[in-house]
Structures are given as structure tokens and as C-alpha cells.
Amino acid sequence: MPVSPFHHVFVYGTLRRGEVRDINRLLPAPRWRGTACVPGVLYHLGAYPGVVLGGPGAAGGQVHGEVYAISPELERLLDAIEEVGPQPGSEYCKRELLVRLDGTAETIACLIYELAPERILGMPIIGSGNWVAHRLAQDTGA
């Protein structure tokens, strides 16, 4: 069986559909797979969020996002956007976890950009785990 040149990525913030850095506007274009949730805590960092998987308070916390199939070229572009690098002190690190697509039994290995734990100090938690809903509520003053 040939190995697929595609990976999958779970996006939870500004890369989600309709957001300021919508992954669907990047090239080469990703392929939509569906929505999903991952266990973790979502933090508000100002203009964007960050997730800590299994971080403090993660018990029962769910972070909402979208899953896309991406090419190696798009993965490199996402690494640049998220400023992932080999150097210590990077804001995000890239991890892989199993994600179950909503409404299915399908589980997919996905890349996710996780916030460095030292970056959460003093940052508010987004209790809903949903960046889009949180941002929309802030925009409308709700």
C-alpha cells in the first residue's frame, strides 16, 4: 500500500474557516475532512488563541476545531505562520495526536500547534473551548 503524501492538521483558532488566517486561502489548498474536538485548554492570547493539550484544568476541557488533509508544502507554510522552529523559546510546538471526526467513528492522526506551557501565565482561559464562538461574542459585546 503506498504511503499518502498528505498529513492531517487540526486547526482551532485563526486558521479556521472564515477567520483572519483561514487555511482555505493558503496554497496548496487543503482538503476539508470535518470538525472535531480535542482534550485540552484554550487560552486567549489577544488576537489569537493557543491550546495546551492535557494542561492545567484540562480535565473535561474540549477544544473545538477543524481537520484538513494538507500537503508537505502547506505543512511547511503552516510551520512558518506558527513560527515553529527547532530553537528553544518558540511560541508553539508541533505535536501529533489522534482525533475523532465529529459524528463518525473515524480517527485520524493530526498535527496540532500547541502553545508552549510557559506562555499561558496570566492568560485567560476560553471556557467554551471554541475560538470562533468566543471571538464572535466579543465582537458583538455578548
N, C-alpha and C. Protein backbone atom coordinates (compact mmCIF):
# COMPACT_ATOMS: atom_id res chain seq x y z
N MET A 1 0.85 -1.18 0.00
CA MET A 1 0.00 0.00 0.00
C MET A 1 0.89 1.24 0.00
N PRO A 2 0.69 2.19 -0.94
CA PRO A 2 1.53 3.38 -0.99
C PRO A 2 1.25 4.31 0.18
N VAL A 3 2.28 5.02 0.59
CA VAL A 3 2.15 5.99 1.68
C VAL A 3 1.60 7.29 1.11
N SER A 4 0.60 7.85 1.77
CA SER A 4 -0.01 9.10 1.32
C SER A 4 0.97 10.26 1.54
N PRO A 5 1.06 11.19 0.57
CA PRO A 5 1.92 12.35 0.76
C PRO A 5 1.28 13.39 1.68
N PHE A 6 0.05 13.13 2.11
CA PHE A 6 -0.67 14.10 2.92
C PHE A 6 -0.63 13.75 4.39
N HIS A 7 -0.57 14.78 5.20
CA HIS A 7 -0.76 14.68 6.63
C HIS A 7 -2.12 15.32 6.91
N HIS A 8 -2.51 15.30 8.14
CA HIS A 8 -3.72 16.00 8.56
C HIS A 8 -3.34 16.99 9.64
N VAL A 9 -4.11 18.07 9.71
CA VAL A 9 -3.87 19.09 10.73
C VAL A 9 -5.19 19.44 11.39
N PHE A 10 -5.14 19.66 12.70
CA PHE A 10 -6.30 20.13 13.47
C PHE A 10 -6.04 21.61 13.73
N VAL A 11 -6.94 22.47 13.24
CA VAL A 11 -6.82 23.92 13.46
C VAL A 11 -7.94 24.38 14.37
N TYR A 12 -7.62 25.26 15.31
CA TYR A 12 -8.58 25.64 16.34
C TYR A 12 -8.75 27.14 16.52
N GLY A 13 -8.01 27.95 15.79
CA GLY A 13 -8.05 29.40 16.01
C GLY A 13 -8.18 30.18 14.72
N THR A 14 -7.21 31.05 14.47
CA THR A 14 -7.29 31.95 13.32
C THR A 14 -7.15 31.24 11.98
N LEU A 15 -6.76 29.97 11.98
CA LEU A 15 -6.70 29.20 10.73
C LEU A 15 -8.04 28.54 10.38
N ARG A 16 -9.03 28.64 11.28
CA ARG A 16 -10.34 28.04 10.99
C ARG A 16 -11.05 28.79 9.87
N ARG A 17 -11.98 28.10 9.24
CA ARG A 17 -12.76 28.65 8.12
C ARG A 17 -13.39 29.99 8.51
N GLY A 18 -13.17 31.00 7.66
CA GLY A 18 -13.76 32.32 7.86
C GLY A 18 -12.96 33.23 8.78
N GLU A 19 -11.91 32.72 9.39
CA GLU A 19 -11.11 33.52 10.31
C GLU A 19 -10.00 34.26 9.55
N VAL A 20 -9.29 35.12 10.24
CA VAL A 20 -8.32 36.02 9.63
C VAL A 20 -7.22 35.30 8.84
N ARG A 21 -6.83 34.12 9.25
CA ARG A 21 -5.81 33.34 8.54
C ARG A 21 -6.39 32.04 7.99
N ASP A 22 -7.62 32.08 7.55
CA ASP A 22 -8.35 30.91 7.03
C ASP A 22 -7.43 30.01 6.20
N ILE A 23 -7.24 28.78 6.65
CA ILE A 23 -6.37 27.82 5.97
C ILE A 23 -6.80 27.58 4.53
N ASN A 24 -8.07 27.79 4.24
CA ASN A 24 -8.59 27.55 2.89
C ASN A 24 -8.10 28.58 1.88
N ARG A 25 -7.51 29.67 2.34
CA ARG A 25 -6.95 30.68 1.44
C ARG A 25 -5.48 30.43 1.15
N LEU A 26 -4.91 29.42 1.79
CA LEU A 26 -3.49 29.12 1.59
C LEU A 26 -3.29 28.14 0.43
N LEU A 27 -2.08 28.16 -0.12
CA LEU A 27 -1.74 27.25 -1.21
C LEU A 27 -0.52 26.44 -0.84
N PRO A 28 -0.47 25.18 -1.24
CA PRO A 28 -1.52 24.45 -1.94
C PRO A 28 -2.73 24.23 -1.03
N ALA A 29 -3.89 24.26 -1.62
CA ALA A 29 -5.15 24.20 -0.87
C ALA A 29 -5.27 22.91 -0.06
N PRO A 30 -5.78 23.03 1.16
CA PRO A 30 -6.03 21.84 1.97
C PRO A 30 -7.32 21.16 1.53
N ARG A 31 -7.54 19.96 2.04
CA ARG A 31 -8.79 19.24 1.76
C ARG A 31 -9.54 19.07 3.08
N TRP A 32 -10.76 19.58 3.13
CA TRP A 32 -11.63 19.51 4.31
C TRP A 32 -11.91 18.06 4.67
N ARG A 33 -11.79 17.73 5.96
CA ARG A 33 -12.14 16.39 6.44
C ARG A 33 -13.31 16.43 7.41
N GLY A 34 -13.45 17.52 8.20
CA GLY A 34 -14.56 17.61 9.13
C GLY A 34 -14.19 18.38 10.38
N THR A 35 -15.16 18.43 11.30
CA THR A 35 -14.93 19.09 12.59
C THR A 35 -14.59 18.03 13.63
N ALA A 36 -13.98 18.50 14.71
CA ALA A 36 -13.57 17.59 15.78
C ALA A 36 -13.31 18.39 17.04
N CYS A 37 -13.15 17.68 18.15
CA CYS A 37 -12.74 18.26 19.42
C CYS A 37 -11.56 17.47 19.95
N VAL A 38 -10.69 18.17 20.67
CA VAL A 38 -9.56 17.51 21.31
C VAL A 38 -9.56 17.90 22.78
N PRO A 39 -9.06 17.04 23.67
CA PRO A 39 -9.00 17.40 25.08
C PRO A 39 -7.88 18.41 25.32
N GLY A 40 -8.21 19.47 26.03
CA GLY A 40 -7.21 20.49 26.32
C GLY A 40 -7.84 21.76 26.84
N VAL A 41 -7.01 22.78 26.95
CA VAL A 41 -7.46 24.08 27.43
C VAL A 41 -7.07 25.12 26.38
N LEU A 42 -8.03 25.99 26.04
CA LEU A 42 -7.81 27.04 25.07
C LEU A 42 -7.60 28.35 25.81
N TYR A 43 -6.53 29.05 25.46
CA TYR A 43 -6.17 30.32 26.11
C TYR A 43 -6.34 31.47 25.13
N HIS A 44 -6.77 32.61 25.65
CA HIS A 44 -6.94 33.82 24.87
C HIS A 44 -5.63 34.60 24.95
N LEU A 45 -4.98 34.79 23.80
CA LEU A 45 -3.69 35.48 23.77
C LEU A 45 -3.79 36.84 23.11
N GLY A 46 -4.98 37.38 23.03
CA GLY A 46 -5.19 38.67 22.37
C GLY A 46 -5.89 38.45 21.04
N ALA A 47 -5.14 38.57 19.95
CA ALA A 47 -5.72 38.43 18.61
C ALA A 47 -5.83 36.99 18.15
N TYR A 48 -5.37 36.06 18.96
CA TYR A 48 -5.39 34.64 18.59
C TYR A 48 -5.37 33.79 19.85
N PRO A 49 -5.71 32.50 19.70
CA PRO A 49 -5.69 31.61 20.86
C PRO A 49 -4.49 30.66 20.83
N GLY A 50 -4.32 29.95 21.91
CA GLY A 50 -3.34 28.88 21.99
C GLY A 50 -3.92 27.74 22.80
N VAL A 51 -3.59 26.53 22.44
CA VAL A 51 -4.10 25.37 23.15
C VAL A 51 -2.95 24.69 23.90
N VAL A 52 -3.29 24.18 25.09
CA VAL A 52 -2.39 23.30 25.82
C VAL A 52 -3.12 21.99 25.99
N LEU A 53 -2.55 20.95 25.42
CA LEU A 53 -3.16 19.63 25.49
C LEU A 53 -2.84 19.01 26.85
N GLY A 54 -3.87 18.58 27.56
CA GLY A 54 -3.66 17.96 28.86
C GLY A 54 -3.04 18.91 29.88
N GLY A 55 -3.18 20.20 29.66
CA GLY A 55 -2.60 21.19 30.56
C GLY A 55 -3.42 21.37 31.82
N PRO A 56 -3.04 22.33 32.66
CA PRO A 56 -3.76 22.58 33.89
C PRO A 56 -5.24 22.83 33.62
N GLY A 57 -6.08 22.16 34.34
CA GLY A 57 -7.52 22.34 34.16
C GLY A 57 -8.08 21.64 32.95
N ALA A 58 -7.29 20.79 32.30
CA ALA A 58 -7.74 20.15 31.06
C ALA A 58 -8.78 19.07 31.30
N ALA A 59 -8.92 18.63 32.54
CA ALA A 59 -9.88 17.56 32.82
C ALA A 59 -11.26 17.97 32.33
N GLY A 60 -11.75 17.25 31.35
CA GLY A 60 -13.08 17.53 30.82
C GLY A 60 -13.12 18.65 29.81
N GLY A 61 -12.00 19.42 29.63
CA GLY A 61 -11.98 20.51 28.67
C GLY A 61 -11.90 19.99 27.24
N GLN A 62 -12.65 20.62 26.35
CA GLN A 62 -12.65 20.24 24.94
C GLN A 62 -12.38 21.48 24.11
N VAL A 63 -11.50 21.35 23.13
CA VAL A 63 -11.20 22.43 22.21
C VAL A 63 -11.77 22.06 20.85
N HIS A 64 -12.57 22.96 20.30
CA HIS A 64 -13.25 22.75 19.02
C HIS A 64 -12.37 23.19 17.87
N GLY A 65 -12.43 22.45 16.77
CA GLY A 65 -11.65 22.82 15.60
C GLY A 65 -12.05 22.08 14.36
N GLU A 66 -11.19 22.17 13.36
CA GLU A 66 -11.44 21.59 12.05
C GLU A 66 -10.24 20.76 11.63
N VAL A 67 -10.51 19.72 10.85
CA VAL A 67 -9.45 18.82 10.38
C VAL A 67 -9.35 18.94 8.86
N TYR A 68 -8.10 19.08 8.40
CA TYR A 68 -7.82 19.18 6.98
C TYR A 68 -6.68 18.25 6.60
N ALA A 69 -6.74 17.70 5.39
CA ALA A 69 -5.61 17.00 4.80
C ALA A 69 -4.73 18.07 4.17
N ILE A 70 -3.42 18.00 4.43
CA ILE A 70 -2.51 19.02 3.91
C ILE A 70 -1.30 18.36 3.25
N SER A 71 -0.73 19.05 2.30
CA SER A 71 0.48 18.59 1.62
C SER A 71 1.70 18.97 2.45
N PRO A 72 2.84 18.36 2.17
CA PRO A 72 4.08 18.75 2.86
C PRO A 72 4.41 20.24 2.66
N GLU A 73 4.10 20.77 1.46
CA GLU A 73 4.35 22.20 1.20
C GLU A 73 3.51 23.08 2.11
N LEU A 74 2.23 22.72 2.27
CA LEU A 74 1.37 23.51 3.15
C LEU A 74 1.80 23.35 4.60
N GLU A 75 2.24 22.18 4.97
CA GLU A 75 2.73 21.98 6.34
C GLU A 75 3.91 22.92 6.63
N ARG A 76 4.82 23.06 5.68
CA ARG A 76 5.96 23.97 5.87
C ARG A 76 5.48 25.41 6.00
N LEU A 77 4.46 25.81 5.23
CA LEU A 77 3.90 27.15 5.33
C LEU A 77 3.25 27.37 6.70
N LEU A 78 2.51 26.37 7.17
CA LEU A 78 1.90 26.47 8.50
C LEU A 78 2.97 26.58 9.59
N ASP A 79 4.05 25.84 9.45
CA ASP A 79 5.16 25.94 10.41
C ASP A 79 5.69 27.37 10.46
N ALA A 80 5.79 28.01 9.30
CA ALA A 80 6.28 29.39 9.24
C ALA A 80 5.27 30.35 9.87
N ILE A 81 3.99 30.16 9.58
CA ILE A 81 2.94 31.02 10.17
C ILE A 81 2.95 30.90 11.68
N GLU A 82 3.07 29.68 12.19
CA GLU A 82 3.04 29.44 13.63
C GLU A 82 4.41 29.64 14.29
N GLU A 83 5.40 30.00 13.47
CA GLU A 83 6.76 30.26 13.97
C GLU A 83 7.31 29.09 14.78
N VAL A 84 7.09 27.90 14.22
CA VAL A 84 7.61 26.69 14.85
C VAL A 84 9.05 26.53 14.38
N GLY A 85 9.92 26.33 15.32
CA GLY A 85 11.32 26.14 14.95
C GLY A 85 12.02 25.24 15.92
N PRO A 86 13.23 24.88 15.60
CA PRO A 86 13.99 24.00 16.48
C PRO A 86 14.53 24.72 17.72
N GLN A 87 14.52 26.05 17.70
CA GLN A 87 15.09 26.80 18.80
C GLN A 87 14.19 26.79 20.02
N PRO A 88 14.80 26.75 21.22
CA PRO A 88 14.01 26.88 22.45
C PRO A 88 13.37 28.27 22.49
N GLY A 89 12.25 28.37 23.15
CA GLY A 89 11.58 29.65 23.27
C GLY A 89 10.56 29.92 22.19
N SER A 90 10.36 28.99 21.25
CA SER A 90 9.32 29.17 20.24
C SER A 90 7.96 29.21 20.94
N GLU A 91 7.04 29.98 20.37
CA GLU A 91 5.72 30.11 20.98
C GLU A 91 4.92 28.81 20.87
N TYR A 92 5.07 28.11 19.76
CA TYR A 92 4.32 26.88 19.53
C TYR A 92 5.26 25.73 19.24
N CYS A 93 4.81 24.52 19.56
CA CYS A 93 5.49 23.32 19.11
C CYS A 93 4.46 22.49 18.36
N LYS A 94 4.94 21.68 17.46
CA LYS A 94 4.05 20.86 16.64
C LYS A 94 4.01 19.47 17.25
N ARG A 95 2.79 18.99 17.49
CA ARG A 95 2.60 17.66 18.05
C ARG A 95 1.66 16.88 17.15
N GLU A 96 1.60 15.59 17.39
CA GLU A 96 0.65 14.75 16.66
C GLU A 96 -0.23 14.04 17.67
N LEU A 97 -1.53 13.99 17.40
CA LEU A 97 -2.45 13.27 18.26
C LEU A 97 -3.55 12.66 17.42
N LEU A 98 -4.22 11.66 17.99
CA LEU A 98 -5.35 11.04 17.32
C LEU A 98 -6.60 11.86 17.58
N VAL A 99 -7.33 12.15 16.52
CA VAL A 99 -8.52 12.98 16.59
C VAL A 99 -9.67 12.20 15.95
N ARG A 100 -10.82 12.19 16.65
CA ARG A 100 -12.02 11.53 16.09
C ARG A 100 -12.90 12.60 15.47
N LEU A 101 -13.22 12.43 14.19
CA LEU A 101 -14.08 13.37 13.50
C LEU A 101 -15.48 13.33 14.12
N ASP A 102 -16.08 14.51 14.31
CA ASP A 102 -17.42 14.59 14.88
C ASP A 102 -18.41 13.77 14.05
N GLY A 103 -19.28 13.04 14.75
CA GLY A 103 -20.34 12.29 14.10
C GLY A 103 -19.88 11.03 13.39
N THR A 104 -18.63 10.63 13.60
CA THR A 104 -18.12 9.42 12.95
C THR A 104 -17.33 8.60 13.96
N ALA A 105 -16.93 7.44 13.52
CA ALA A 105 -16.02 6.61 14.33
C ALA A 105 -14.60 6.73 13.79
N GLU A 106 -14.41 7.56 12.75
CA GLU A 106 -13.10 7.69 12.11
C GLU A 106 -12.13 8.47 12.99
N THR A 107 -10.96 7.87 13.21
CA THR A 107 -9.90 8.51 13.98
C THR A 107 -8.73 8.77 13.04
N ILE A 108 -8.21 10.00 13.10
CA ILE A 108 -7.15 10.44 12.19
C ILE A 108 -5.99 10.99 13.01
N ALA A 109 -4.77 10.62 12.64
CA ALA A 109 -3.58 11.24 13.25
C ALA A 109 -3.45 12.65 12.67
N CYS A 110 -3.45 13.64 13.56
CA CYS A 110 -3.39 15.04 13.14
C CYS A 110 -2.23 15.76 13.79
N LEU A 111 -1.67 16.69 13.04
CA LEU A 111 -0.73 17.64 13.60
C LEU A 111 -1.54 18.71 14.32
N ILE A 112 -1.00 19.25 15.38
CA ILE A 112 -1.62 20.36 16.08
C ILE A 112 -0.51 21.26 16.59
N TYR A 113 -0.75 22.55 16.54
CA TYR A 113 0.23 23.51 17.04
C TYR A 113 -0.15 23.86 18.47
N GLU A 114 0.67 23.37 19.40
CA GLU A 114 0.40 23.53 20.82
C GLU A 114 1.24 24.68 21.38
N LEU A 115 0.60 25.49 22.20
CA LEU A 115 1.26 26.62 22.85
C LEU A 115 2.27 26.11 23.87
N ALA A 116 3.42 26.75 23.91
CA ALA A 116 4.42 26.41 24.92
C ALA A 116 3.83 26.72 26.30
N PRO A 117 3.88 25.77 27.24
CA PRO A 117 3.23 25.96 28.55
C PRO A 117 3.64 27.23 29.29
N GLU A 118 4.87 27.70 29.10
CA GLU A 118 5.30 28.91 29.80
C GLU A 118 4.59 30.16 29.28
N ARG A 119 3.90 30.06 28.14
CA ARG A 119 3.20 31.21 27.55
C ARG A 119 1.80 31.42 28.14
N ILE A 120 1.32 30.51 28.99
CA ILE A 120 -0.05 30.63 29.50
C ILE A 120 -0.15 31.46 30.77
N LEU A 121 0.98 31.79 31.38
CA LEU A 121 0.95 32.52 32.65
C LEU A 121 0.16 33.81 32.51
N GLY A 122 -0.89 33.94 33.31
CA GLY A 122 -1.72 35.14 33.33
C GLY A 122 -2.70 35.26 32.18
N MET A 123 -2.73 34.30 31.29
CA MET A 123 -3.64 34.37 30.15
C MET A 123 -5.00 33.79 30.51
N PRO A 124 -6.08 34.45 30.09
CA PRO A 124 -7.42 33.93 30.40
C PRO A 124 -7.75 32.68 29.59
N ILE A 125 -8.51 31.81 30.23
CA ILE A 125 -8.99 30.59 29.58
C ILE A 125 -10.28 30.89 28.83
N ILE A 126 -10.41 30.34 27.64
CA ILE A 126 -11.65 30.40 26.87
C ILE A 126 -12.45 29.17 27.28
N GLY A 127 -13.39 29.35 28.20
CA GLY A 127 -14.10 28.23 28.81
C GLY A 127 -14.87 27.37 27.83
N SER A 128 -15.37 27.96 26.76
CA SER A 128 -16.13 27.18 25.76
C SER A 128 -15.23 26.29 24.93
N GLY A 129 -13.93 26.60 24.90
CA GLY A 129 -13.01 25.84 24.05
C GLY A 129 -13.21 26.11 22.56
N ASN A 130 -13.97 27.16 22.24
CA ASN A 130 -14.31 27.46 20.85
C ASN A 130 -13.90 28.90 20.52
N TRP A 131 -12.77 29.06 19.82
CA TRP A 131 -12.26 30.38 19.49
C TRP A 131 -13.26 31.20 18.68
N VAL A 132 -13.89 30.60 17.67
CA VAL A 132 -14.80 31.35 16.80
C VAL A 132 -15.99 31.88 17.61
N ALA A 133 -16.62 31.04 18.42
CA ALA A 133 -17.75 31.49 19.23
C ALA A 133 -17.31 32.56 20.22
N HIS A 134 -16.15 32.40 20.81
CA HIS A 134 -15.61 33.37 21.76
C HIS A 134 -15.36 34.72 21.08
N ARG A 135 -14.72 34.69 19.92
CA ARG A 135 -14.43 35.93 19.19
C ARG A 135 -15.71 36.63 18.76
N LEU A 136 -16.67 35.86 18.26
CA LEU A 136 -17.94 36.46 17.83
C LEU A 136 -18.66 37.10 19.00
N ALA A 137 -18.64 36.44 20.17
CA ALA A 137 -19.28 37.01 21.36
C ALA A 137 -18.59 38.31 21.76
N GLN A 138 -17.28 38.37 21.64
CA GLN A 138 -16.55 39.60 21.98
C GLN A 138 -16.89 40.71 20.98
N ASP A 139 -16.98 40.36 19.69
CA ASP A 139 -17.27 41.34 18.66
C ASP A 139 -18.67 41.95 18.83
N THR A 140 -19.61 41.15 19.33
CA THR A 140 -20.99 41.63 19.49
C THR A 140 -21.24 42.17 20.90
N GLY A 141 -20.24 42.05 21.79
CA GLY A 141 -20.40 42.54 23.15
C GLY A 141 -21.23 41.63 24.02
N ALA A 142 -21.50 40.40 23.56
CA ALA A 142 -22.32 39.47 24.34
C ALA A 142 -21.56 38.89 25.50
